[in-house]
Amino acid sequence: MTARPDLYAAALDCAASRAREWLESLLDRPIPPSEDADNVLARLGGPLPEGPTEPAEVVEMLADGVEPGLMAMPSGRFFGWVIGGTLPAALGADWLVSSWDQNSGMRYATPGTVAAEEAAAAWLVELLGLPSEADVGFVTGGTMANFTGLAAGRQQVLGDAGWDLDQHGLSGAPRVRVLVGAERHITVDLALRYLGLGAPQVVPADDQGRIRLDALADALAAGSGPTIVCLQAGNLHSGAFDPIGQAAALAHERHAWVHVDGAFGLWAAASPRLRHQLDGYHAADSWATDAHKTLNVPYDCGIVVVARPRALRDAMGSTASYLVRSEGPGDPIDKVPELSRRARGVPVWAALRSLGRSGVADLVDRLASHAGALAEGIAAIDGAEVLNDVVFTQVSATFGDDARTREVTARLLADGTAWMSGSRWRDRDVLRVSVSNWSTDATDVAASVAAVRRAAR
């Protein structure tokens, strides 16, 4: 098989056609997959063919095989976990990123895509009100954004304690204590495990999941040595925000590094109506977020922002004779864990360029407003109770006892009109709603509330 241009054309034409069919189907298709993984595997697996297959035929076979196993996550009626859709400009840009096929680690080698990412990074810092001198890295998701921000923190606090982490590693190093709220996201613990920092010290939270300032002050005073404090912008169940500014001030009095996990909630900073909930957040040292959540770019795209570039570059940077470095603001490989990486910041550029400042604010406000409307509609259902103060994009509801709530959740998912994931919060089973999709509208909200009402009958 030779690299004839027509082979690309046929495969891409097929992919574009099938992609349009998929996107058009989202308006009214049921949310759950119609087949499980075993059935899909039966079509796609088996012995590897002995010879080649035409590219367009392969794409067609893939679409036919996978489509029944697709969940309609990009639908405006999908409220499971915290998963956004994809803005049209971001999707188009992502297709270009795959076609360009640039390993976007060095300014010298791939100036086009790196420049687009640098422009996106500058817009992000401006839009979110973060320090202008901060470094921005585009990573795979929230987990690696937390990992990278915490790695920079580990580098800084051990260095401040006189320990050369690069030379000696963690063996024999001063213990780094990490303070977290009782309702932090599991990815924080996962990142700490990856970093060899072990289990964190848990600080009590209030009834909405916000870290308690009095308990944090006590925990900080009870210990010493290198310290990192992890705060949260957007609780998984309530959407609530830690008192970041006050907590950061307490932490900085003890010379601690402050990291903010803002996977979906950091985007509240883009909304004049909602940013008060992040009061003082700019005083932190690092921030993590997911662009594929609130900003609605395709998977995968996490973002880490670090106020102290030296700490980030010492933690992530690498040198080798074959890496051609350029003058300027540093290479992407200095700011993220990967050497090989796609230009995942390019769709962020496209999303921000298509929306503009007012468009991002409107997007964030609409998501929060739809969450409020869903909460109001669910609360009006006989036997339902919304447990959280709806301050952003999350709603947690119950329908009596745990067994009844699980039953309603199961019926809702079987109905297929909308998808809201079950969870457990405040020692109760809940139906959890996460509004993250740019395409969700009032019609989707009404249809989803009606589906919950049917499930609760």
Protein backbone atom coordinates (compact mmCIF):
# COMPACT_ATOMS: atom_id res chain seq x y z
CA MET A 1 0.00 0.00 0.00
CA THR A 2 1.51 3.35 -1.03
CA ALA A 3 0.78 6.74 0.52
CA ARG A 4 -1.56 7.94 -2.25
CA PRO A 5 -3.48 11.15 -1.42
CA ASP A 6 -6.72 9.53 -2.55
CA LEU A 7 -6.43 6.96 0.23
CA TYR A 8 -6.57 9.74 2.80
CA ALA A 9 -9.44 11.43 0.95
CA ALA A 10 -11.61 8.31 0.92
CA ALA A 11 -10.98 7.51 4.57
CA LEU A 12 -11.56 11.10 5.70
CA ASP A 13 -14.72 11.45 3.60
CA CYS A 14 -16.09 8.31 5.21
CA ALA A 15 -15.13 9.51 8.69
CA ALA A 16 -16.73 12.91 8.10
CA SER A 17 -19.94 11.32 6.87
CA ARG A 18 -20.22 8.95 9.80
CA ALA A 19 -19.30 11.74 12.26
CA ARG A 20 -22.15 13.88 10.93
CA GLU A 21 -24.58 10.99 11.27
CA TRP A 22 -23.49 10.51 14.88
CA LEU A 23 -23.81 14.20 15.76
CA GLU A 24 -27.24 14.45 14.12
CA SER A 25 -28.45 11.39 16.04
CA LEU A 26 -27.72 13.07 19.39
CA LEU A 27 -30.87 15.18 19.16
CA ASP A 28 -33.20 12.29 19.91
CA ARG A 29 -31.25 9.06 20.40
CA PRO A 30 -31.42 7.23 23.75
CA ILE A 31 -28.43 8.00 25.96
CA PRO A 32 -27.27 4.45 26.91
CA PRO A 33 -25.38 2.18 24.48
CA SER A 34 -27.57 -0.43 22.80
CA GLU A 35 -24.88 -3.14 23.05
CA ASP A 36 -22.26 -4.09 25.64
CA ALA A 37 -18.52 -4.40 25.09
CA ASP A 38 -18.62 -8.16 24.55
CA ASN A 39 -21.01 -7.81 21.62
CA VAL A 40 -18.94 -5.05 20.07
CA LEU A 41 -15.77 -7.08 20.56
CA ALA A 42 -17.35 -10.01 18.74
CA ARG A 43 -17.58 -7.83 15.62
CA LEU A 44 -14.25 -6.02 15.93
CA GLY A 45 -12.06 -8.84 17.25
CA GLY A 46 -11.15 -12.29 16.09
CA PRO A 47 -7.99 -13.28 14.23
CA LEU A 48 -5.92 -10.48 12.71
CA PRO A 49 -6.51 -10.50 8.92
CA GLU A 50 -3.65 -11.87 6.84
CA GLY A 51 -3.63 -9.01 4.35
CA PRO A 52 -4.40 -5.30 4.08
CA THR A 53 -7.83 -3.66 3.85
CA GLU A 54 -8.69 -0.42 2.07
CA PRO A 55 -8.59 2.54 4.54
CA ALA A 56 -12.13 3.73 3.80
CA GLU A 57 -13.45 0.23 4.31
CA VAL A 58 -11.67 0.04 7.66
CA VAL A 59 -13.26 3.32 8.79
CA GLU A 60 -16.69 2.09 7.71
CA MET A 61 -16.22 -1.20 9.54
CA LEU A 62 -15.09 0.63 12.66
CA ALA A 63 -18.09 2.96 12.63
CA ASP A 64 -20.50 0.08 12.07
CA GLY A 65 -18.91 -1.97 14.82
CA VAL A 66 -18.52 0.71 17.49
CA GLU A 67 -21.69 2.78 17.05
CA PRO A 68 -24.05 0.44 18.96
CA GLY A 69 -21.63 0.59 21.90
CA LEU A 70 -21.49 4.38 22.08
CA MET A 71 -23.07 6.28 24.95
CA ALA A 72 -24.51 9.62 23.88
CA MET A 73 -22.17 11.58 26.14
CA PRO A 74 -22.21 14.64 23.82
CA SER A 75 -26.02 14.86 24.16
CA GLY A 76 -27.62 17.80 25.92
CA ARG A 77 -29.45 15.24 28.08
CA PHE A 78 -26.30 13.61 29.43
CA PHE A 79 -25.61 14.68 33.02
CA GLY A 80 -23.45 11.79 34.21
CA TRP A 81 -20.15 12.24 36.02
CA VAL A 82 -18.74 15.62 34.83
CA ILE A 83 -18.40 15.23 31.08
CA GLY A 84 -18.89 18.09 28.65
CA GLY A 85 -19.64 18.02 24.94
CA THR A 86 -17.56 19.45 22.13
CA LEU A 87 -17.88 22.93 20.66
CA PRO A 88 -17.96 22.92 16.84
CA ALA A 89 -14.79 24.99 16.44
CA ALA A 90 -12.94 22.80 18.94
CA LEU A 91 -13.98 19.64 17.10
CA GLY A 92 -12.83 21.04 13.76
CA ALA A 93 -9.53 22.08 15.30
CA ASP A 94 -9.08 18.63 16.81
CA TRP A 95 -9.47 17.04 13.38
CA LEU A 96 -6.74 19.34 12.10
CA VAL A 97 -4.49 18.42 15.02
CA SER A 98 -4.77 14.75 14.05
CA SER A 99 -4.16 15.54 10.38
CA TRP A 100 -1.16 17.75 11.10
CA ASP A 101 0.27 15.00 13.34
CA GLN A 102 2.74 17.26 15.16
CA ASN A 103 4.63 16.07 18.23
CA SER A 104 4.24 19.43 19.90
CA GLY A 105 6.96 19.35 22.51
CA MET A 106 9.44 21.89 21.14
CA ARG A 107 9.02 25.41 19.74
CA TYR A 108 11.84 24.84 17.27
CA ALA A 109 10.36 21.70 15.75
CA THR A 110 6.66 22.57 15.71
CA PRO A 111 6.35 26.36 15.88
CA GLY A 112 2.84 26.42 14.41
CA THR A 113 1.04 24.32 16.97
CA VAL A 114 3.21 25.50 19.87
CA ALA A 115 2.40 29.12 19.03
CA ALA A 116 -1.33 28.33 19.00
CA GLU A 117 -0.97 26.70 22.42
CA GLU A 118 0.98 29.68 23.75
CA ALA A 119 -1.75 32.02 22.53
CA ALA A 120 -4.38 29.82 24.20
CA ALA A 121 -2.35 29.77 27.42
CA ALA A 122 -2.14 33.58 27.49
CA TRP A 123 -5.90 33.83 26.94
CA LEU A 124 -6.57 31.31 29.71
CA VAL A 125 -4.45 33.16 32.24
CA GLU A 126 -6.17 36.44 31.33
CA LEU A 127 -9.68 34.96 31.27
CA LEU A 128 -9.32 33.15 34.59
CA GLY A 129 -7.56 36.04 36.34
CA LEU A 130 -4.41 34.09 37.14
CA PRO A 131 -0.87 35.53 37.46
CA SER A 132 0.42 36.75 34.11
CA GLU A 133 3.86 35.22 34.75
CA ALA A 134 2.44 31.74 35.35
CA ASP A 135 3.37 28.73 33.23
CA VAL A 136 0.59 26.76 31.53
CA GLY A 137 0.83 23.09 30.55
CA PHE A 138 -1.63 21.07 28.49
CA VAL A 139 -1.88 17.54 29.88
CA THR A 140 -4.25 14.63 29.42
CA GLY A 141 -6.85 15.47 32.05
CA GLY A 142 -7.57 16.49 35.62
CA THR A 143 -5.55 13.65 37.10
CA MET A 144 -2.35 14.69 35.34
CA ALA A 145 -3.08 18.37 35.89
CA ASN A 146 -3.22 17.66 39.63
CA PHE A 147 -0.13 15.47 39.34
CA THR A 148 1.84 18.20 37.57
CA GLY A 149 0.80 21.02 39.90
CA LEU A 150 1.55 18.89 42.95
CA ALA A 151 4.89 17.83 41.46
CA ALA A 152 5.85 21.49 41.21
CA GLY A 153 4.73 21.94 44.82
CA ARG A 154 6.77 18.94 45.95
CA GLN A 155 9.82 20.37 44.16
CA GLN A 156 9.39 23.76 45.80
CA VAL A 157 8.73 22.74 49.41
CA LEU A 158 11.54 20.17 49.47
CA GLY A 159 13.90 22.67 47.93
CA ASP A 160 12.89 25.23 50.54
CA ALA A 161 13.73 22.62 53.20
CA GLY A 162 17.21 22.24 51.73
CA TRP A 163 16.62 18.87 50.06
CA ASP A 164 17.91 18.22 46.53
CA LEU A 165 15.10 16.10 45.10
CA ASP A 166 16.72 15.69 41.68
CA GLN A 167 19.93 14.38 43.19
CA HIS A 168 18.66 12.27 46.07
CA GLY A 169 15.03 11.42 45.28
CA LEU A 170 12.55 10.90 48.10
CA SER A 171 14.53 8.35 50.07
CA GLY A 172 15.67 10.08 53.22
CA ALA A 173 13.88 13.31 52.35
CA PRO A 174 11.91 15.29 54.93
CA ARG A 175 8.33 14.08 55.05
CA VAL A 176 6.03 16.24 52.91
CA ARG A 177 2.69 16.50 54.65
CA VAL A 178 -0.26 17.14 52.38
CA LEU A 179 -3.49 18.56 53.83
CA VAL A 180 -6.72 17.94 51.92
CA GLY A 181 -10.41 18.49 52.56
CA ALA A 182 -12.51 15.47 53.47
CA GLU A 183 -14.39 15.75 50.16
CA ARG A 184 -11.48 16.27 47.77
CA HIS A 185 -11.66 14.41 44.47
CA ILE A 186 -10.08 10.96 44.28
CA THR A 187 -7.62 12.17 41.61
CA VAL A 188 -5.82 14.22 44.27
CA ASP A 189 -5.09 11.05 46.24
CA LEU A 190 -4.12 9.30 43.02
CA ALA A 191 -1.66 12.06 42.08
CA LEU A 192 -0.12 11.96 45.56
CA ARG A 193 0.33 8.22 45.21
CA TYR A 194 2.03 8.66 41.83
CA LEU A 195 4.34 11.24 43.42
CA GLY A 196 5.35 8.96 46.29
CA LEU A 197 3.86 11.30 48.88
CA GLY A 198 1.51 8.73 50.35
CA ALA A 199 -1.88 9.27 51.94
CA PRO A 200 -2.79 12.88 52.75
CA GLN A 201 -3.88 14.28 56.11
CA VAL A 202 -7.64 14.77 55.92
CA VAL A 203 -9.18 18.00 57.19
CA PRO A 204 -12.92 18.00 58.04
CA ALA A 205 -15.40 19.60 55.66
CA ASP A 206 -18.77 21.27 56.21
CA ASP A 207 -22.16 19.96 55.08
CA GLN A 208 -21.56 21.18 51.51
CA GLY A 209 -18.10 19.63 51.26
CA ARG A 210 -16.08 22.81 51.82
CA ILE A 211 -12.89 22.55 53.86
CA ARG A 212 -13.36 24.04 57.32
CA LEU A 213 -11.03 26.95 58.00
CA ASP A 214 -10.86 26.32 61.74
CA ALA A 215 -9.90 22.70 61.18
CA LEU A 216 -7.33 23.69 58.55
CA ALA A 217 -5.76 26.22 60.92
CA ASP A 218 -5.53 23.57 63.64
CA ALA A 219 -4.00 21.02 61.25
CA LEU A 220 -1.40 23.50 60.00
CA ALA A 221 -0.46 24.48 63.54
CA ALA A 222 -0.15 20.87 64.66
CA GLY A 223 2.72 20.03 62.32
CA SER A 224 5.79 21.46 60.67
CA GLY A 225 8.13 20.89 57.77
CA PRO A 226 7.43 20.87 54.03
CA THR A 227 3.67 21.25 53.53
CA ILE A 228 1.21 21.28 50.62
CA VAL A 229 -2.44 22.27 51.00
CA CYS A 230 -4.93 21.06 48.36
CA LEU A 231 -8.10 23.08 47.93
CA GLN A 232 -11.14 22.51 45.75
CA ALA A 233 -13.03 24.70 43.29
CA GLY A 234 -16.23 22.78 42.63
CA ASN A 235 -17.27 19.88 44.85
CA LEU A 236 -18.22 16.74 42.96
CA HIS A 237 -21.66 16.47 44.62
CA SER A 238 -22.59 19.98 45.66
CA GLY A 239 -20.55 22.17 43.33
CA ALA A 240 -19.43 24.12 46.41
CA PHE A 241 -16.11 25.97 46.54
CA ASP A 242 -13.60 25.89 49.36
CA PRO A 243 -12.90 29.35 50.89
CA ILE A 244 -9.78 29.45 48.79
CA GLY A 245 -8.47 32.92 49.57
CA GLN A 246 -8.76 32.53 53.34
CA ALA A 247 -7.39 28.99 53.26
CA ALA A 248 -4.46 30.07 51.07
CA ALA A 249 -3.61 32.87 53.51
CA LEU A 250 -3.52 30.39 56.40
CA ALA A 251 -1.33 28.02 54.38
CA HIS A 252 1.09 30.69 53.25
CA GLU A 253 1.61 31.81 56.85
CA ARG A 254 3.16 28.34 57.30
CA HIS A 255 5.09 28.60 54.01
CA ALA A 256 2.95 25.86 52.46
CA TRP A 257 2.36 25.39 48.73
CA VAL A 258 -1.33 25.83 47.80
CA HIS A 259 -2.79 23.78 44.97
CA VAL A 260 -6.36 24.20 43.68
CA ASP A 261 -8.20 21.30 42.04
CA GLY A 262 -10.67 23.15 39.83
CA ALA A 263 -11.47 20.44 37.31
CA PHE A 264 -14.78 22.04 36.38
CA GLY A 265 -15.22 24.83 38.93
CA LEU A 266 -12.21 26.97 38.05
CA TRP A 267 -14.18 28.18 35.03
CA ALA A 268 -16.47 30.11 37.38
CA ALA A 269 -13.67 32.69 37.34
CA ALA A 270 -14.69 33.53 33.76
CA SER A 271 -18.19 34.58 34.90
CA PRO A 272 -18.69 38.01 36.51
CA ARG A 273 -21.83 36.55 38.13
CA LEU A 274 -20.13 33.51 39.65
CA ARG A 275 -16.48 34.36 40.25
CA HIS A 276 -17.15 35.64 43.78
CA GLN A 277 -17.30 31.99 44.83
CA LEU A 278 -13.58 31.75 44.06
CA ASP A 279 -12.68 34.77 46.18
CA GLY A 280 -8.92 34.94 46.64
CA TYR A 281 -8.17 31.97 44.36
CA HIS A 282 -5.48 33.90 42.48
CA ALA A 283 -3.28 33.73 45.61
CA ALA A 284 -2.71 29.98 45.20
CA ASP A 285 0.49 28.54 43.73
CA SER A 286 -0.96 26.07 41.21
CA TRP A 287 -4.31 25.30 39.64
CA ALA A 288 -5.67 22.29 37.74
CA THR A 289 -8.67 22.13 35.43
CA ASP A 290 -10.17 20.12 32.57
CA ALA A 291 -10.95 21.84 29.30
CA HIS A 292 -13.11 18.90 28.20
CA LYS A 293 -15.49 19.62 31.04
CA THR A 294 -16.78 23.18 31.33
CA LEU A 295 -15.01 24.59 28.25
CA ASN A 296 -16.24 21.70 26.04
CA VAL A 297 -13.21 20.77 23.97
CA PRO A 298 -12.67 17.14 22.85
CA TYR A 299 -10.91 14.56 24.97
CA ASP A 300 -8.27 14.74 26.12
CA CYS A 301 -7.25 18.12 27.52
CA GLY A 302 -6.32 18.92 31.08
CA ILE A 303 -4.69 22.21 31.99
CA VAL A 304 -2.22 22.99 34.76
CA VAL A 305 -1.25 26.53 35.68
CA VAL A 306 1.71 27.16 37.99
CA ALA A 307 2.49 30.60 39.40
CA ARG A 308 6.17 29.75 39.92
CA PRO A 309 7.57 28.60 36.56
CA ARG A 310 10.93 27.63 38.04
CA ALA A 311 9.33 25.03 40.29
CA LEU A 312 7.34 23.57 37.40
CA ARG A 313 10.30 23.43 35.02
CA ASP A 314 12.56 21.91 37.65
CA ALA A 315 9.95 19.22 38.26
CA MET A 316 9.01 18.48 34.63
CA GLY A 317 11.88 19.68 32.45
CA SER A 318 14.46 17.46 30.77
CA THR A 319 17.53 17.95 28.61
CA ALA A 320 19.26 15.82 25.98
CA SER A 321 21.66 16.55 23.16
CA TYR A 322 19.13 15.61 20.48
CA LEU A 323 16.45 18.00 21.80
CA VAL A 324 16.79 21.27 19.93
CA ARG A 325 15.78 24.07 22.31
CA SER A 326 14.74 27.54 21.27
CA GLU A 327 14.87 30.95 22.83
CA GLY A 328 11.65 32.27 24.33
CA PRO A 329 9.13 31.28 27.00
CA GLY A 330 10.30 27.68 27.28
CA ASP A 331 9.24 24.52 25.50
CA PRO A 332 6.06 22.55 26.20
CA ILE A 333 8.17 19.59 27.34
CA ASP A 334 9.36 21.77 30.25
CA LYS A 335 5.81 22.06 31.59
CA VAL A 336 4.21 18.62 31.26
CA PRO A 337 5.16 14.99 31.99
CA GLU A 338 5.21 13.83 28.36
CA LEU A 339 7.89 14.20 25.73
CA SER A 340 5.59 12.88 23.00
CA ARG A 341 2.28 14.72 22.96
CA ARG A 342 -0.41 15.84 20.56
CA ALA A 343 -1.17 19.54 20.30
CA ARG A 344 -4.13 19.32 22.67
CA GLY A 345 -3.99 23.04 23.37
CA VAL A 346 -4.98 23.88 19.79
CA PRO A 347 -8.68 23.00 20.31
CA VAL A 348 -8.54 25.20 23.42
CA TRP A 349 -7.40 28.06 21.20
CA ALA A 350 -10.29 27.35 18.83
CA ALA A 351 -12.85 27.17 21.66
CA LEU A 352 -11.69 30.44 23.19
CA ARG A 353 -11.43 32.19 19.82
CA SER A 354 -14.94 31.08 18.85
CA LEU A 355 -16.54 32.11 22.15
CA GLY A 356 -14.59 35.17 23.18
CA ARG A 357 -14.67 36.47 26.74
CA SER A 358 -18.42 37.09 26.77
CA GLY A 359 -19.14 33.72 25.18
CA VAL A 360 -17.23 31.81 27.84
CA ALA A 361 -19.03 33.75 30.58
CA ASP A 362 -22.36 33.02 28.93
CA LEU A 363 -21.50 29.32 28.62
CA VAL A 364 -20.61 29.06 32.31
CA ASP A 365 -23.71 30.99 33.36
CA ARG A 366 -25.99 28.84 31.21
CA LEU A 367 -24.61 25.62 32.69
CA ALA A 368 -25.24 26.93 36.21
CA SER A 369 -28.71 28.16 35.28
CA HIS A 370 -29.66 24.79 33.82
CA ALA A 371 -28.47 23.10 37.02
CA GLY A 372 -30.74 25.40 38.99
CA ALA A 373 -33.68 24.59 36.72
CA LEU A 374 -33.04 20.85 37.01
CA ALA A 375 -32.84 21.12 40.79
CA GLU A 376 -36.10 23.07 40.91
CA GLY A 377 -37.85 20.56 38.67
CA ILE A 378 -36.58 17.53 40.61
CA ALA A 379 -37.44 19.11 43.97
CA ALA A 380 -41.05 19.49 42.80
CA ILE A 381 -41.38 15.72 42.28
CA ASP A 382 -43.29 14.01 45.07
CA GLY A 383 -40.84 12.35 47.47
CA ALA A 384 -37.73 14.00 46.03
CA GLU A 385 -35.29 16.13 48.01
CA VAL A 386 -32.33 18.14 46.71
CA LEU A 387 -29.59 17.87 49.33
CA ASN A 388 -27.16 20.55 48.20
CA ASP A 389 -27.19 24.30 47.84
CA VAL A 390 -27.11 24.63 44.05
CA VAL A 391 -24.32 27.15 43.63
CA PHE A 392 -22.82 25.98 40.34
CA THR A 393 -23.44 23.01 38.05
CA GLN A 394 -24.02 20.07 40.41
CA VAL A 395 -27.24 18.68 41.90
CA SER A 396 -27.58 15.78 44.36
CA ALA A 397 -31.09 14.47 45.05
CA THR A 398 -32.69 11.65 47.02
CA PHE A 399 -36.09 9.99 46.80
CA GLY A 400 -36.60 8.74 50.33
CA ASP A 401 -34.43 5.93 51.63
CA ASP A 402 -31.38 4.53 49.84
CA ALA A 403 -33.24 1.61 48.28
CA ARG A 404 -35.85 3.93 46.79
CA THR A 405 -33.18 6.30 45.44
CA ARG A 406 -31.33 3.41 43.80
CA GLU A 407 -34.60 2.20 42.29
CA VAL A 408 -35.42 5.61 40.82
CA THR A 409 -31.88 5.91 39.43
CA ALA A 410 -32.09 2.48 37.80
CA ARG A 411 -35.47 3.30 36.24
CA LEU A 412 -34.17 6.60 34.92
CA LEU A 413 -31.17 4.97 33.26
CA ALA A 414 -33.36 2.22 31.78
CA ASP A 415 -35.70 4.88 30.35
CA GLY A 416 -32.78 6.25 28.31
CA THR A 417 -34.06 9.81 27.89
CA ALA A 418 -31.45 11.28 30.22
CA TRP A 419 -28.40 10.02 32.07
CA MET A 420 -27.73 11.02 35.67
CA SER A 421 -25.26 8.92 37.60
CA GLY A 422 -25.91 7.44 41.00
CA SER A 423 -23.48 8.17 43.82
CA ARG A 424 -23.23 8.35 47.60
CA TRP A 425 -22.94 11.60 49.53
CA ARG A 426 -23.41 12.54 53.17
CA ASP A 427 -24.03 8.87 54.00
CA ARG A 428 -26.94 8.66 51.57
CA ASP A 429 -27.40 7.28 48.07
CA VAL A 430 -28.07 10.12 45.66
CA LEU A 431 -28.98 10.81 42.07
CA ARG A 432 -26.17 13.11 40.94
CA VAL A 433 -26.61 15.61 38.12
CA SER A 434 -23.65 17.34 36.46
CA VAL A 435 -24.49 19.99 33.87
CA SER A 436 -21.46 20.32 31.62
CA ASN A 437 -22.61 20.36 27.99
CA TRP A 438 -22.74 23.55 25.95
CA SER A 439 -25.66 22.19 23.90
CA THR A 440 -28.00 21.58 26.84
CA ASP A 441 -31.07 23.80 26.48
CA ALA A 442 -34.44 24.34 28.15
CA THR A 443 -35.99 21.55 26.10
CA ASP A 444 -33.35 19.10 27.34
CA VAL A 445 -33.95 20.23 30.91
CA ALA A 446 -37.71 19.76 30.61
CA ALA A 447 -37.37 16.32 28.99
CA SER A 448 -34.89 15.23 31.66
CA VAL A 449 -37.06 16.38 34.56
CA ALA A 450 -39.99 14.55 32.99
CA ALA A 451 -37.88 11.40 32.78
CA VAL A 452 -36.99 11.66 36.47
CA ARG A 453 -40.67 12.15 37.29
CA ARG A 454 -41.59 9.00 35.35
CA ALA A 455 -38.87 7.05 37.15
CA ALA A 456 -40.13 8.26 40.54
CA ARG A 457 -43.76 7.22 40.02
